[in-house]
Amino acid sequence: MHRVNNIIMNIFKLKYTDKNQAVYDLIAKNILVPQEEDGYIFGEGVQAVVEIGLIILAQPTFDEKGNELIPAIIADGYHYDVMSTEMYDFGNNLVVPKNPKHAFAGYPITEEYIPTDNL
């Protein structure tokens, strides 16, 4: 939890099975609001939604001819980060990454909000 101009900002690190499950949940929670022509807008209190997507843990290796020798190692799940003045119950989709791949500008990656009741 962080204060910006005396407003509390909550940062959520999320992991879903796939992108469809993530978008469905973000819409259901009114974090993303579908628009007829322009995709989505943010719901009330939402400052940012960052689609992290798939996370590569180890890059693939190739031989000199471009043939893949060792495939990439991909972390389980499809990932999003959300910043909002609102609180949400993400259940098991809320995660505490050991090596975060994203931080919001002005918010140290090691100090981002982690709801202790969900650990």
N, C-alpha and C. Protein backbone atom coordinates (compact mmCIF):
# COMPACT_ATOMS: atom_id res chain seq x y z
N MET A 1 0.85 -1.17 0.00
CA MET A 1 0.00 0.00 0.00
C MET A 1 0.90 1.23 0.00
N HIS A 2 0.56 2.19 -0.86
CA HIS A 2 1.33 3.42 -0.98
C HIS A 2 0.37 4.60 -0.97
N ARG A 3 0.84 5.72 -0.49
CA ARG A 3 0.05 6.94 -0.52
C ARG A 3 0.62 7.86 -1.59
N VAL A 4 -0.27 8.38 -2.44
CA VAL A 4 0.09 9.38 -3.44
C VAL A 4 -0.91 10.50 -3.28
N ASN A 5 -0.43 11.69 -2.95
CA ASN A 5 -1.32 12.82 -2.69
C ASN A 5 -2.41 12.45 -1.69
N ASN A 6 -2.01 11.71 -0.67
CA ASN A 6 -2.90 11.26 0.40
C ASN A 6 -3.95 10.25 -0.06
N ILE A 7 -3.75 9.64 -1.22
CA ILE A 7 -4.64 8.60 -1.74
C ILE A 7 -3.89 7.27 -1.67
N ILE A 8 -4.52 6.26 -1.11
CA ILE A 8 -3.89 4.94 -0.99
C ILE A 8 -3.94 4.22 -2.34
N MET A 9 -2.77 3.76 -2.79
CA MET A 9 -2.66 2.96 -4.01
C MET A 9 -2.37 1.52 -3.63
N ASN A 10 -3.15 0.62 -4.17
CA ASN A 10 -2.96 -0.81 -3.94
C ASN A 10 -2.42 -1.44 -5.21
N ILE A 11 -1.41 -2.27 -5.06
CA ILE A 11 -0.80 -2.93 -6.21
C ILE A 11 -1.02 -4.43 -6.05
N PHE A 12 -1.54 -5.04 -7.11
CA PHE A 12 -1.85 -6.46 -7.11
C PHE A 12 -1.06 -7.16 -8.20
N LYS A 13 -0.35 -8.21 -7.85
CA LYS A 13 0.36 -9.07 -8.79
C LYS A 13 -0.53 -10.30 -8.99
N LEU A 14 -0.91 -10.59 -10.23
CA LEU A 14 -1.91 -11.62 -10.50
C LEU A 14 -1.41 -12.68 -11.46
N LYS A 15 -1.88 -13.90 -11.25
CA LYS A 15 -1.56 -15.01 -12.16
C LYS A 15 -2.84 -15.77 -12.43
N TYR A 16 -3.10 -15.99 -13.72
CA TYR A 16 -4.28 -16.73 -14.18
C TYR A 16 -3.83 -17.90 -15.05
N THR A 17 -4.76 -18.78 -15.33
CA THR A 17 -4.47 -19.92 -16.20
C THR A 17 -4.10 -19.45 -17.61
N ASP A 18 -4.86 -18.48 -18.12
CA ASP A 18 -4.61 -17.95 -19.47
C ASP A 18 -5.17 -16.54 -19.58
N LYS A 19 -4.95 -15.90 -20.71
CA LYS A 19 -5.39 -14.52 -20.91
C LYS A 19 -6.91 -14.40 -20.84
N ASN A 20 -7.64 -15.34 -21.40
CA ASN A 20 -9.10 -15.27 -21.37
C ASN A 20 -9.64 -15.26 -19.95
N GLN A 21 -9.09 -16.12 -19.09
CA GLN A 21 -9.53 -16.17 -17.69
C GLN A 21 -9.21 -14.83 -17.01
N ALA A 22 -8.06 -14.27 -17.29
CA ALA A 22 -7.65 -13.00 -16.69
C ALA A 22 -8.61 -11.87 -17.09
N VAL A 23 -8.84 -11.73 -18.38
CA VAL A 23 -9.70 -10.65 -18.88
C VAL A 23 -11.11 -10.82 -18.33
N TYR A 24 -11.62 -12.04 -18.31
CA TYR A 24 -12.95 -12.31 -17.77
C TYR A 24 -13.04 -11.84 -16.31
N ASP A 25 -12.04 -12.17 -15.50
CA ASP A 25 -12.04 -11.79 -14.09
C ASP A 25 -11.91 -10.28 -13.92
N LEU A 26 -11.05 -9.65 -14.71
CA LEU A 26 -10.87 -8.19 -14.61
C LEU A 26 -12.15 -7.45 -15.02
N ILE A 27 -12.87 -7.99 -15.99
CA ILE A 27 -14.16 -7.40 -16.37
C ILE A 27 -15.19 -7.63 -15.27
N ALA A 28 -15.24 -8.85 -14.74
CA ALA A 28 -16.21 -9.18 -13.69
C ALA A 28 -16.02 -8.30 -12.46
N LYS A 29 -14.79 -7.88 -12.18
CA LYS A 29 -14.49 -7.04 -11.03
C LYS A 29 -14.58 -5.55 -11.37
N ASN A 30 -14.99 -5.23 -12.59
CA ASN A 30 -15.12 -3.86 -13.07
C ASN A 30 -13.78 -3.11 -13.07
N ILE A 31 -12.70 -3.85 -13.21
CA ILE A 31 -11.37 -3.26 -13.34
C ILE A 31 -11.20 -2.81 -14.79
N LEU A 32 -11.60 -3.67 -15.72
CA LEU A 32 -11.68 -3.32 -17.13
C LEU A 32 -13.15 -3.21 -17.50
N VAL A 33 -13.49 -2.14 -18.21
CA VAL A 33 -14.87 -1.93 -18.64
C VAL A 33 -14.89 -1.94 -20.16
N PRO A 34 -15.56 -2.94 -20.77
CA PRO A 34 -15.59 -3.03 -22.23
C PRO A 34 -16.28 -1.82 -22.88
N GLN A 35 -15.73 -1.39 -24.00
CA GLN A 35 -16.31 -0.31 -24.79
C GLN A 35 -16.67 -0.86 -26.16
N GLU A 36 -17.65 -0.27 -26.80
CA GLU A 36 -18.10 -0.79 -28.09
C GLU A 36 -17.00 -0.77 -29.15
N GLU A 37 -16.23 0.31 -29.21
CA GLU A 37 -15.26 0.45 -30.30
C GLU A 37 -13.80 0.45 -29.86
N ASP A 38 -13.51 0.89 -28.66
CA ASP A 38 -12.13 1.14 -28.27
C ASP A 38 -11.56 0.15 -27.28
N GLY A 39 -12.04 -1.07 -27.25
CA GLY A 39 -11.50 -2.05 -26.33
C GLY A 39 -12.04 -1.87 -24.93
N TYR A 40 -11.18 -1.39 -24.01
CA TYR A 40 -11.55 -1.27 -22.60
C TYR A 40 -11.13 0.09 -22.04
N ILE A 41 -11.85 0.51 -21.00
CA ILE A 41 -11.40 1.63 -20.17
C ILE A 41 -11.25 1.08 -18.76
N PHE A 42 -10.57 1.81 -17.91
CA PHE A 42 -10.40 1.40 -16.53
C PHE A 42 -11.64 1.73 -15.72
N GLY A 43 -11.97 0.85 -14.79
CA GLY A 43 -13.07 1.09 -13.86
C GLY A 43 -12.67 2.14 -12.83
N GLU A 44 -13.62 2.51 -11.99
CA GLU A 44 -13.39 3.54 -11.00
C GLU A 44 -12.25 3.16 -10.06
N GLY A 45 -11.34 4.09 -9.86
CA GLY A 45 -10.21 3.90 -8.96
C GLY A 45 -9.02 3.19 -9.58
N VAL A 46 -9.20 2.60 -10.75
CA VAL A 46 -8.10 1.86 -11.39
C VAL A 46 -7.16 2.86 -12.07
N GLN A 47 -5.89 2.77 -11.70
CA GLN A 47 -4.87 3.66 -12.25
C GLN A 47 -4.11 3.02 -13.40
N ALA A 48 -3.95 1.70 -13.35
CA ALA A 48 -3.19 1.01 -14.40
C ALA A 48 -3.48 -0.48 -14.38
N VAL A 49 -3.47 -1.06 -15.57
CA VAL A 49 -3.54 -2.52 -15.74
C VAL A 49 -2.42 -2.87 -16.71
N VAL A 50 -1.50 -3.69 -16.26
CA VAL A 50 -0.35 -4.06 -17.09
C VAL A 50 -0.42 -5.54 -17.41
N GLU A 51 -0.50 -5.84 -18.70
CA GLU A 51 -0.49 -7.23 -19.15
C GLU A 51 0.96 -7.69 -19.23
N ILE A 52 1.37 -8.50 -18.28
CA ILE A 52 2.72 -9.06 -18.28
C ILE A 52 2.78 -10.22 -19.26
N GLY A 53 1.72 -11.03 -19.27
CA GLY A 53 1.64 -12.17 -20.18
C GLY A 53 2.41 -13.37 -19.67
N LEU A 54 3.01 -14.09 -20.60
CA LEU A 54 3.84 -15.24 -20.25
C LEU A 54 5.20 -14.75 -19.79
N ILE A 55 5.75 -15.41 -18.81
CA ILE A 55 7.06 -15.02 -18.29
C ILE A 55 8.08 -16.09 -18.66
N ILE A 56 9.13 -15.66 -19.35
CA ILE A 56 10.20 -16.57 -19.76
C ILE A 56 11.22 -16.63 -18.63
N LEU A 57 11.41 -17.82 -18.09
CA LEU A 57 12.38 -18.02 -17.01
C LEU A 57 13.78 -18.28 -17.54
N ALA A 58 13.88 -18.95 -18.69
CA ALA A 58 15.17 -19.21 -19.32
C ALA A 58 14.98 -19.15 -20.84
N GLN A 59 15.86 -18.44 -21.50
CA GLN A 59 15.79 -18.28 -22.95
C GLN A 59 16.15 -19.59 -23.65
N PRO A 60 15.60 -19.82 -24.83
CA PRO A 60 15.98 -21.02 -25.58
C PRO A 60 17.41 -20.88 -26.11
N THR A 61 18.00 -21.99 -26.44
CA THR A 61 19.32 -21.96 -27.07
C THR A 61 19.21 -22.61 -28.45
N PHE A 62 20.05 -22.11 -29.37
CA PHE A 62 20.02 -22.56 -30.76
C PHE A 62 21.43 -22.90 -31.23
N ASP A 63 21.52 -23.79 -32.21
CA ASP A 63 22.82 -24.05 -32.81
C ASP A 63 23.10 -23.01 -33.88
N GLU A 64 24.25 -23.11 -34.53
CA GLU A 64 24.66 -22.12 -35.53
C GLU A 64 23.74 -22.07 -36.75
N LYS A 65 22.94 -23.12 -36.96
CA LYS A 65 21.99 -23.15 -38.09
C LYS A 65 20.60 -22.65 -37.69
N GLY A 66 20.46 -22.27 -36.42
CA GLY A 66 19.17 -21.76 -35.97
C GLY A 66 18.22 -22.82 -35.45
N ASN A 67 18.69 -24.06 -35.35
CA ASN A 67 17.85 -25.12 -34.81
C ASN A 67 17.81 -25.02 -33.29
N GLU A 68 16.63 -25.14 -32.73
CA GLU A 68 16.49 -25.04 -31.28
C GLU A 68 17.09 -26.27 -30.61
N LEU A 69 18.00 -26.02 -29.69
CA LEU A 69 18.63 -27.10 -28.93
C LEU A 69 17.91 -27.32 -27.60
N ILE A 70 17.63 -26.23 -26.93
CA ILE A 70 16.94 -26.29 -25.65
C ILE A 70 15.80 -25.27 -25.70
N PRO A 71 14.56 -25.72 -25.48
CA PRO A 71 13.43 -24.78 -25.55
C PRO A 71 13.42 -23.83 -24.36
N ALA A 72 12.73 -22.72 -24.53
CA ALA A 72 12.56 -21.75 -23.45
C ALA A 72 11.82 -22.41 -22.29
N ILE A 73 12.11 -21.95 -21.10
CA ILE A 73 11.35 -22.40 -19.93
C ILE A 73 10.40 -21.26 -19.57
N ILE A 74 9.11 -21.58 -19.58
CA ILE A 74 8.06 -20.59 -19.36
C ILE A 74 7.42 -20.85 -18.00
N ALA A 75 7.23 -19.78 -17.21
CA ALA A 75 6.56 -19.90 -15.92
C ALA A 75 5.09 -20.26 -16.14
N ASP A 76 4.50 -20.94 -15.19
CA ASP A 76 3.08 -21.27 -15.25
C ASP A 76 2.26 -19.98 -15.24
N GLY A 77 1.18 -19.98 -15.98
CA GLY A 77 0.20 -18.91 -15.88
C GLY A 77 0.40 -17.75 -16.82
N TYR A 78 -0.60 -16.87 -16.78
CA TYR A 78 -0.62 -15.64 -17.57
C TYR A 78 -0.76 -14.50 -16.56
N HIS A 79 0.09 -13.49 -16.63
CA HIS A 79 0.27 -12.55 -15.54
C HIS A 79 -0.20 -11.13 -15.88
N TYR A 80 -0.76 -10.47 -14.85
CA TYR A 80 -1.17 -9.06 -14.92
C TYR A 80 -0.77 -8.38 -13.63
N ASP A 81 -0.52 -7.07 -13.71
CA ASP A 81 -0.37 -6.22 -12.54
C ASP A 81 -1.47 -5.16 -12.60
N VAL A 82 -2.06 -4.87 -11.46
CA VAL A 82 -3.13 -3.87 -11.36
C VAL A 82 -2.78 -2.89 -10.26
N MET A 83 -2.97 -1.59 -10.54
CA MET A 83 -2.84 -0.55 -9.52
C MET A 83 -4.19 0.15 -9.40
N SER A 84 -4.69 0.25 -8.16
CA SER A 84 -6.01 0.84 -7.96
C SER A 84 -6.13 1.42 -6.55
N THR A 85 -7.01 2.39 -6.42
CA THR A 85 -7.35 2.91 -5.09
C THR A 85 -8.35 1.98 -4.41
N GLU A 86 -8.94 1.06 -5.16
CA GLU A 86 -9.93 0.12 -4.64
C GLU A 86 -9.24 -1.17 -4.19
N MET A 87 -9.93 -1.90 -3.31
CA MET A 87 -9.47 -3.23 -2.89
C MET A 87 -10.31 -4.28 -3.62
N TYR A 88 -9.69 -5.40 -3.96
CA TYR A 88 -10.37 -6.49 -4.66
C TYR A 88 -9.99 -7.81 -4.01
N ASP A 89 -10.87 -8.77 -4.11
CA ASP A 89 -10.58 -10.13 -3.66
C ASP A 89 -10.24 -10.95 -4.90
N PHE A 90 -8.96 -11.20 -5.10
CA PHE A 90 -8.52 -11.98 -6.24
C PHE A 90 -8.35 -13.46 -5.90
N GLY A 91 -8.55 -13.82 -4.64
CA GLY A 91 -8.42 -15.22 -4.24
C GLY A 91 -7.05 -15.77 -4.59
N ASN A 92 -7.04 -16.97 -5.16
CA ASN A 92 -5.78 -17.65 -5.49
C ASN A 92 -5.04 -17.04 -6.68
N ASN A 93 -5.65 -16.07 -7.36
CA ASN A 93 -4.97 -15.41 -8.48
C ASN A 93 -3.97 -14.38 -8.01
N LEU A 94 -4.06 -13.97 -6.75
CA LEU A 94 -3.11 -13.03 -6.18
C LEU A 94 -1.83 -13.79 -5.82
N VAL A 95 -0.70 -13.29 -6.32
CA VAL A 95 0.57 -13.99 -6.07
C VAL A 95 1.61 -13.03 -5.49
N VAL A 96 2.62 -13.61 -4.89
CA VAL A 96 3.75 -12.85 -4.37
C VAL A 96 4.99 -13.40 -5.09
N PRO A 97 5.36 -12.77 -6.21
CA PRO A 97 6.49 -13.29 -6.99
C PRO A 97 7.81 -13.11 -6.26
N LYS A 98 8.69 -14.10 -6.41
CA LYS A 98 10.02 -14.03 -5.81
C LYS A 98 10.95 -13.14 -6.64
N ASN A 99 10.67 -13.06 -7.94
CA ASN A 99 11.50 -12.27 -8.85
C ASN A 99 10.57 -11.50 -9.79
N PRO A 100 9.93 -10.42 -9.30
CA PRO A 100 8.95 -9.70 -10.13
C PRO A 100 9.55 -9.20 -11.44
N LYS A 101 8.76 -9.25 -12.49
CA LYS A 101 9.21 -8.82 -13.81
C LYS A 101 8.78 -7.40 -14.14
N HIS A 102 8.01 -6.77 -13.26
CA HIS A 102 7.48 -5.44 -13.53
C HIS A 102 7.31 -4.67 -12.24
N ALA A 103 7.54 -3.37 -12.31
CA ALA A 103 7.24 -2.47 -11.19
C ALA A 103 6.61 -1.21 -11.77
N PHE A 104 5.72 -0.60 -11.01
CA PHE A 104 5.13 0.66 -11.42
C PHE A 104 6.12 1.79 -11.13
N ALA A 105 6.21 2.75 -12.03
CA ALA A 105 7.12 3.88 -11.87
C ALA A 105 6.86 4.58 -10.54
N GLY A 106 7.93 4.81 -9.80
CA GLY A 106 7.81 5.49 -8.52
C GLY A 106 7.50 4.56 -7.36
N TYR A 107 7.35 3.27 -7.63
CA TYR A 107 7.04 2.29 -6.59
C TYR A 107 8.13 1.22 -6.60
N PRO A 108 9.02 1.23 -5.61
CA PRO A 108 10.09 0.22 -5.58
C PRO A 108 9.51 -1.18 -5.65
N ILE A 109 10.08 -1.99 -6.48
CA ILE A 109 9.57 -3.34 -6.72
C ILE A 109 9.54 -4.17 -5.44
N THR A 110 10.42 -3.88 -4.51
CA THR A 110 10.46 -4.65 -3.27
C THR A 110 9.47 -4.15 -2.23
N GLU A 111 8.81 -3.02 -2.48
CA GLU A 111 7.89 -2.45 -1.51
C GLU A 111 6.46 -2.43 -2.00
N GLU A 112 6.16 -3.12 -3.09
CA GLU A 112 4.80 -3.10 -3.59
C GLU A 112 3.87 -3.80 -2.63
N TYR A 113 2.64 -3.42 -2.68
CA TYR A 113 1.61 -3.91 -1.76
C TYR A 113 1.41 -5.42 -1.88
N ILE A 114 1.50 -6.09 -0.76
CA ILE A 114 1.23 -7.52 -0.70
C ILE A 114 0.22 -7.74 0.43
N PRO A 115 -1.00 -8.08 0.10
CA PRO A 115 -2.00 -8.30 1.15
C PRO A 115 -1.63 -9.52 2.01
N THR A 116 -1.29 -9.30 3.25
CA THR A 116 -0.83 -10.38 4.11
C THR A 116 -1.92 -11.40 4.42
N ASP A 117 -3.19 -10.99 4.33
CA ASP A 117 -4.25 -11.97 4.60
C ASP A 117 -4.41 -12.97 3.46
N ASN A 118 -3.73 -12.77 2.34
CA ASN A 118 -3.81 -13.69 1.21
C ASN A 118 -2.54 -14.52 1.05
N LEU A 119 -1.61 -14.42 1.99
CA LEU A 119 -0.36 -15.18 1.87
C LEU A 119 -0.55 -16.60 2.37
